[in-house]
């Protein structure tokens, strides 16, 4: 019976150690989850900044093309003509209705 009590005692100690480890892991998992959410928010903010900067860059490119050399002016004219053609197509589609 004494051996049985020792085994029970050893099992109880091991169980306590395992439960403590489980609790530590659970707390660590919660911390990691919070950090992940923080990083997701930071990522979204950076994506928004990137889109804003990209749009500003495109606007500056167009402005530079309007002021730039003949090669860039040709590019800008082609873009403007493409937009005009798309508008004409839309007008024609509306006229047909």
N, C-alpha and C. Protein backbone atom coordinates (compact mmCIF):
# COMPACT_ATOMS: atom_id res chain seq x y z
N UNK A 1 0.81 -1.19 0.00
CA UNK A 1 0.00 0.00 0.00
C UNK A 1 0.86 1.25 0.00
N UNK A 2 2.00 1.17 0.64
CA UNK A 2 2.89 2.31 0.71
C UNK A 2 3.40 2.67 -0.68
N UNK A 3 3.70 1.69 -1.49
CA UNK A 3 4.16 1.91 -2.85
C UNK A 3 3.04 2.56 -3.69
N UNK A 4 1.83 2.12 -3.44
CA UNK A 4 0.67 2.69 -4.12
C UNK A 4 0.52 4.17 -3.78
N UNK A 5 0.69 4.55 -2.55
CA UNK A 5 0.60 5.95 -2.10
C UNK A 5 1.71 6.79 -2.72
N UNK A 6 2.89 6.22 -2.85
CA UNK A 6 4.00 6.94 -3.47
C UNK A 6 3.68 7.21 -4.94
N UNK A 7 3.16 6.20 -5.59
CA UNK A 7 2.82 6.36 -7.01
C UNK A 7 1.75 7.44 -7.20
N UNK A 8 0.78 7.43 -6.34
CA UNK A 8 -0.28 8.44 -6.40
C UNK A 8 0.31 9.82 -6.16
N UNK A 9 1.18 9.92 -5.19
CA UNK A 9 1.82 11.20 -4.88
C UNK A 9 2.65 11.69 -6.06
N UNK A 10 3.40 10.79 -6.68
CA UNK A 10 4.22 11.15 -7.84
C UNK A 10 3.32 11.60 -9.00
N UNK A 11 2.25 10.88 -9.22
CA UNK A 11 1.30 11.25 -10.28
C UNK A 11 0.66 12.61 -10.02
N UNK A 12 0.33 12.88 -8.77
CA UNK A 12 -0.26 14.17 -8.41
C UNK A 12 0.73 15.30 -8.70
N UNK A 13 1.99 15.09 -8.34
CA UNK A 13 3.01 16.11 -8.59
C UNK A 13 3.18 16.35 -10.08
N UNK A 14 3.22 15.26 -10.82
CA UNK A 14 3.37 15.39 -12.27
C UNK A 14 2.15 16.08 -12.89
N UNK A 15 0.99 15.75 -12.36
CA UNK A 15 -0.24 16.38 -12.85
C UNK A 15 -0.22 17.88 -12.56
N UNK A 16 0.23 18.26 -11.37
CA UNK A 16 0.33 19.68 -11.02
C UNK A 16 1.31 20.39 -11.95
N UNK A 17 2.44 19.74 -12.21
CA UNK A 17 3.42 20.33 -13.12
C UNK A 17 2.82 20.51 -14.51
N UNK A 18 2.11 19.49 -14.97
CA UNK A 18 1.48 19.58 -16.30
C UNK A 18 0.40 20.66 -16.36
N UNK A 19 -0.38 20.77 -15.30
CA UNK A 19 -1.41 21.81 -15.26
C UNK A 19 -0.79 23.20 -15.25
N UNK A 20 0.29 23.36 -14.51
CA UNK A 20 0.99 24.65 -14.50
C UNK A 20 1.54 24.97 -15.88
N UNK A 21 2.09 23.96 -16.53
CA UNK A 21 2.63 24.16 -17.88
C UNK A 21 1.51 24.53 -18.85
N UNK A 22 0.37 23.86 -18.70
CA UNK A 22 -0.79 24.18 -19.54
C UNK A 22 -1.24 25.62 -19.32
N UNK A 23 -1.26 26.05 -18.08
CA UNK A 23 -1.64 27.43 -17.75
C UNK A 23 -0.66 28.42 -18.37
N UNK A 24 0.65 28.12 -18.26
CA UNK A 24 1.66 28.99 -18.86
C UNK A 24 1.49 29.06 -20.37
N UNK A 25 1.24 27.92 -20.97
CA UNK A 25 1.04 27.89 -22.43
C UNK A 25 -0.20 28.67 -22.84
N UNK A 26 -1.23 28.56 -22.05
CA UNK A 26 -2.46 29.30 -22.34
C UNK A 26 -2.22 30.81 -22.24
N UNK A 27 -1.51 31.22 -21.21
CA UNK A 27 -1.20 32.65 -21.06
C UNK A 27 -0.32 33.13 -22.21
N UNK A 28 0.66 32.31 -22.59
CA UNK A 28 1.54 32.67 -23.70
C UNK A 28 0.76 32.76 -25.01
N UNK A 29 -0.16 31.85 -25.20
CA UNK A 29 -1.01 31.87 -26.39
C UNK A 29 -1.85 33.14 -26.44
N UNK A 30 -2.39 33.55 -25.32
CA UNK A 30 -3.17 34.80 -25.27
C UNK A 30 -2.30 36.00 -25.60
N UNK A 31 -1.07 36.03 -25.08
CA UNK A 31 -0.16 37.13 -25.38
C UNK A 31 0.15 37.17 -26.88
N UNK A 32 0.41 36.01 -27.44
CA UNK A 32 0.72 35.93 -28.87
C UNK A 32 -0.47 36.35 -29.72
N UNK A 33 -1.65 36.00 -29.28
CA UNK A 33 -2.86 36.39 -30.00
C UNK A 33 -3.03 37.91 -30.00
N UNK A 34 -2.77 38.52 -28.87
CA UNK A 34 -2.85 39.98 -28.76
C UNK A 34 -1.80 40.63 -29.66
N UNK A 35 -0.58 40.08 -29.63
CA UNK A 35 0.49 40.62 -30.49
C UNK A 35 0.13 40.48 -31.96
N UNK A 36 -0.47 39.35 -32.32
CA UNK A 36 -0.87 39.13 -33.70
C UNK A 36 -1.89 40.17 -34.13
N UNK A 37 -2.87 40.45 -33.28
CA UNK A 37 -3.88 41.47 -33.61
C UNK A 37 -3.23 42.84 -33.75
N UNK A 38 -2.27 43.14 -32.88
CA UNK A 38 -1.56 44.42 -32.99
C UNK A 38 -0.82 44.52 -34.32
N UNK A 39 -0.15 43.43 -34.69
CA UNK A 39 0.58 43.42 -35.95
C UNK A 39 -0.35 43.53 -37.15
N UNK A 40 -1.53 42.94 -37.05
CA UNK A 40 -2.50 43.06 -38.14
C UNK A 40 -2.95 44.51 -38.30
N UNK A 41 -3.15 45.20 -37.18
CA UNK A 41 -3.53 46.61 -37.24
C UNK A 41 -2.41 47.45 -37.85
N UNK A 42 -1.19 47.17 -37.44
CA UNK A 42 -0.04 47.90 -37.99
C UNK A 42 0.08 47.63 -39.49
N UNK A 43 -0.12 46.37 -39.88
CA UNK A 43 -0.05 46.02 -41.30
C UNK A 43 -1.10 46.79 -42.10
N UNK A 44 -2.32 46.87 -41.58
CA UNK A 44 -3.38 47.58 -42.28
C UNK A 44 -3.05 49.07 -42.41
N UNK A 45 -2.52 49.65 -41.34
CA UNK A 45 -2.13 51.06 -41.38
C UNK A 45 -1.04 51.28 -42.43
N UNK A 46 -0.07 50.37 -42.50
CA UNK A 46 1.00 50.50 -43.48
C UNK A 46 0.48 50.32 -44.90
N UNK A 47 -0.47 49.42 -45.08
CA UNK A 47 -1.08 49.24 -46.40
C UNK A 47 -1.80 50.52 -46.83
N UNK A 48 -2.52 51.13 -45.90
CA UNK A 48 -3.22 52.38 -46.21
C UNK A 48 -2.25 53.49 -46.57
N UNK A 49 -1.15 53.58 -45.81
CA UNK A 49 -0.13 54.59 -46.11
C UNK A 49 0.49 54.34 -47.48
N UNK A 50 0.75 53.06 -47.77
CA UNK A 50 1.33 52.70 -49.05
C UNK A 50 0.42 53.10 -50.20
N UNK A 51 -0.87 52.82 -50.08
CA UNK A 51 -1.83 53.19 -51.13
C UNK A 51 -1.86 54.70 -51.30
N UNK A 52 -1.87 55.43 -50.19
CA UNK A 52 -1.90 56.89 -50.25
C UNK A 52 -0.65 57.42 -50.95
N UNK A 53 0.51 56.88 -50.58
CA UNK A 53 1.77 57.34 -51.19
C UNK A 53 1.81 56.95 -52.67
N UNK A 54 1.30 55.78 -52.99
CA UNK A 54 1.28 55.34 -54.39
C UNK A 54 0.40 56.27 -55.23
N UNK A 55 -0.74 56.66 -54.69
CA UNK A 55 -1.63 57.59 -55.40
C UNK A 55 -0.96 58.95 -55.58
N UNK A 56 -0.29 59.42 -54.53
CA UNK A 56 0.42 60.69 -54.62
C UNK A 56 1.53 60.60 -55.66
N UNK A 57 2.22 59.47 -55.68
CA UNK A 57 3.29 59.26 -56.65
C UNK A 57 2.75 59.30 -58.08
N UNK A 58 1.61 58.66 -58.30
CA UNK A 58 1.00 58.68 -59.63
C UNK A 58 0.61 60.10 -60.04
N UNK A 59 0.08 60.85 -59.09
CA UNK A 59 -0.28 62.24 -59.39
C UNK A 59 0.95 63.06 -59.74
N UNK A 60 2.02 62.83 -59.00
CA UNK A 60 3.26 63.56 -59.28
C UNK A 60 3.85 63.15 -60.64
N UNK A 61 3.72 61.88 -60.98
CA UNK A 61 4.21 61.42 -62.28
C UNK A 61 3.48 62.13 -63.41
N UNK A 62 2.16 62.24 -63.26
CA UNK A 62 1.37 62.91 -64.29
C UNK A 62 1.76 64.38 -64.38
N UNK A 63 1.92 65.01 -63.22
CA UNK A 63 2.32 66.43 -63.22
C UNK A 63 3.70 66.59 -63.86
N UNK A 64 4.62 65.71 -63.54
CA UNK A 64 5.96 65.77 -64.14
C UNK A 64 5.90 65.53 -65.64
N UNK A 65 5.04 64.63 -66.06
CA UNK A 65 4.91 64.36 -67.48
C UNK A 65 4.38 65.58 -68.23
N UNK A 66 3.48 66.31 -67.60
CA UNK A 66 2.95 67.51 -68.24
C UNK A 66 4.02 68.59 -68.37
N UNK A 67 4.93 68.61 -67.41
CA UNK A 67 5.97 69.63 -67.42
C UNK A 67 7.27 69.14 -68.06
N UNK A 68 7.37 67.84 -68.29
CA UNK A 68 8.63 67.24 -68.69
C UNK A 68 8.95 67.38 -70.16
N UNK A 69 9.84 66.49 -70.63
CA UNK A 69 10.34 66.53 -72.00
C UNK A 69 9.28 66.02 -72.98
N UNK A 70 9.63 66.03 -74.28
CA UNK A 70 8.66 65.66 -75.31
C UNK A 70 8.27 64.19 -75.22
N UNK A 71 9.19 63.36 -74.77
CA UNK A 71 8.89 61.94 -74.64
C UNK A 71 7.80 61.70 -73.60
N UNK A 72 7.91 62.37 -72.46
CA UNK A 72 6.89 62.21 -71.43
C UNK A 72 5.59 62.89 -71.83
N UNK A 73 5.69 63.96 -72.61
CA UNK A 73 4.48 64.62 -73.08
C UNK A 73 3.72 63.68 -74.02
N UNK A 74 4.45 62.93 -74.83
CA UNK A 74 3.81 61.98 -75.73
C UNK A 74 3.07 60.91 -74.93
N UNK A 75 3.70 60.44 -73.89
CA UNK A 75 3.07 59.45 -73.02
C UNK A 75 1.79 60.01 -72.42
N UNK A 76 1.86 61.23 -71.91
CA UNK A 76 0.70 61.86 -71.30
C UNK A 76 -0.41 62.06 -72.32
N UNK A 77 -0.05 62.48 -73.53
CA UNK A 77 -1.06 62.67 -74.58
C UNK A 77 -1.75 61.35 -74.90
N UNK A 78 -0.98 60.27 -74.97
CA UNK A 78 -1.57 58.95 -75.24
C UNK A 78 -2.55 58.57 -74.14
N UNK A 79 -2.17 58.83 -72.91
CA UNK A 79 -3.08 58.53 -71.80
C UNK A 79 -4.36 59.34 -71.90
N UNK A 80 -4.21 60.63 -72.19
CA UNK A 80 -5.38 61.51 -72.30
C UNK A 80 -6.26 61.05 -73.45
N UNK A 81 -5.65 60.70 -74.60
CA UNK A 81 -6.42 60.21 -75.74
C UNK A 81 -7.16 58.91 -75.41
N UNK A 82 -6.52 58.05 -74.65
CA UNK A 82 -7.15 56.80 -74.25
C UNK A 82 -8.38 57.09 -73.38
N UNK A 83 -8.25 58.02 -72.47
CA UNK A 83 -9.37 58.40 -71.61
C UNK A 83 -10.49 59.00 -72.44
N UNK A 84 -10.13 59.85 -73.38
CA UNK A 84 -11.15 60.48 -74.25
C UNK A 84 -11.88 59.41 -75.05
N UNK A 85 -11.15 58.43 -75.58
CA UNK A 85 -11.77 57.35 -76.34
C UNK A 85 -12.74 56.55 -75.46
N UNK A 86 -12.36 56.30 -74.23
CA UNK A 86 -13.25 55.59 -73.32
C UNK A 86 -14.51 56.40 -73.05
N UNK A 87 -14.37 57.70 -72.89
CA UNK A 87 -15.52 58.57 -72.68
C UNK A 87 -16.43 58.56 -73.91
N UNK A 88 -15.81 58.61 -75.10
CA UNK A 88 -16.60 58.55 -76.34
C UNK A 88 -17.39 57.25 -76.43
N UNK A 89 -16.77 56.14 -76.06
CA UNK A 89 -17.47 54.85 -76.08
C UNK A 89 -18.66 54.88 -75.13
N UNK A 90 -18.47 55.45 -73.96
CA UNK A 90 -19.56 55.54 -73.00
C UNK A 90 -20.70 56.40 -73.54
N UNK A 91 -20.35 57.51 -74.16
CA UNK A 91 -21.36 58.41 -74.73
C UNK A 91 -22.12 57.68 -75.84
N UNK A 92 -21.40 56.95 -76.69
CA UNK A 92 -22.06 56.21 -77.75
C UNK A 92 -22.98 55.14 -77.20
N UNK A 93 -22.57 54.47 -76.15
CA UNK A 93 -23.39 53.44 -75.53
C UNK A 93 -24.66 54.06 -74.96
N UNK A 94 -24.54 55.22 -74.36
CA UNK A 94 -25.70 55.91 -73.80
C UNK A 94 -26.62 56.39 -74.93
N UNK A 95 -26.03 56.85 -76.03
CA UNK A 95 -26.82 57.34 -77.16
C UNK A 95 -27.65 56.22 -77.77
N UNK A 96 -27.11 55.02 -77.80
CA UNK A 96 -27.81 53.89 -78.39
C UNK A 96 -29.02 53.46 -77.55
N UNK A 97 -28.98 53.77 -76.28
CA UNK A 97 -30.10 53.41 -75.40
C UNK A 97 -31.21 54.37 -75.65
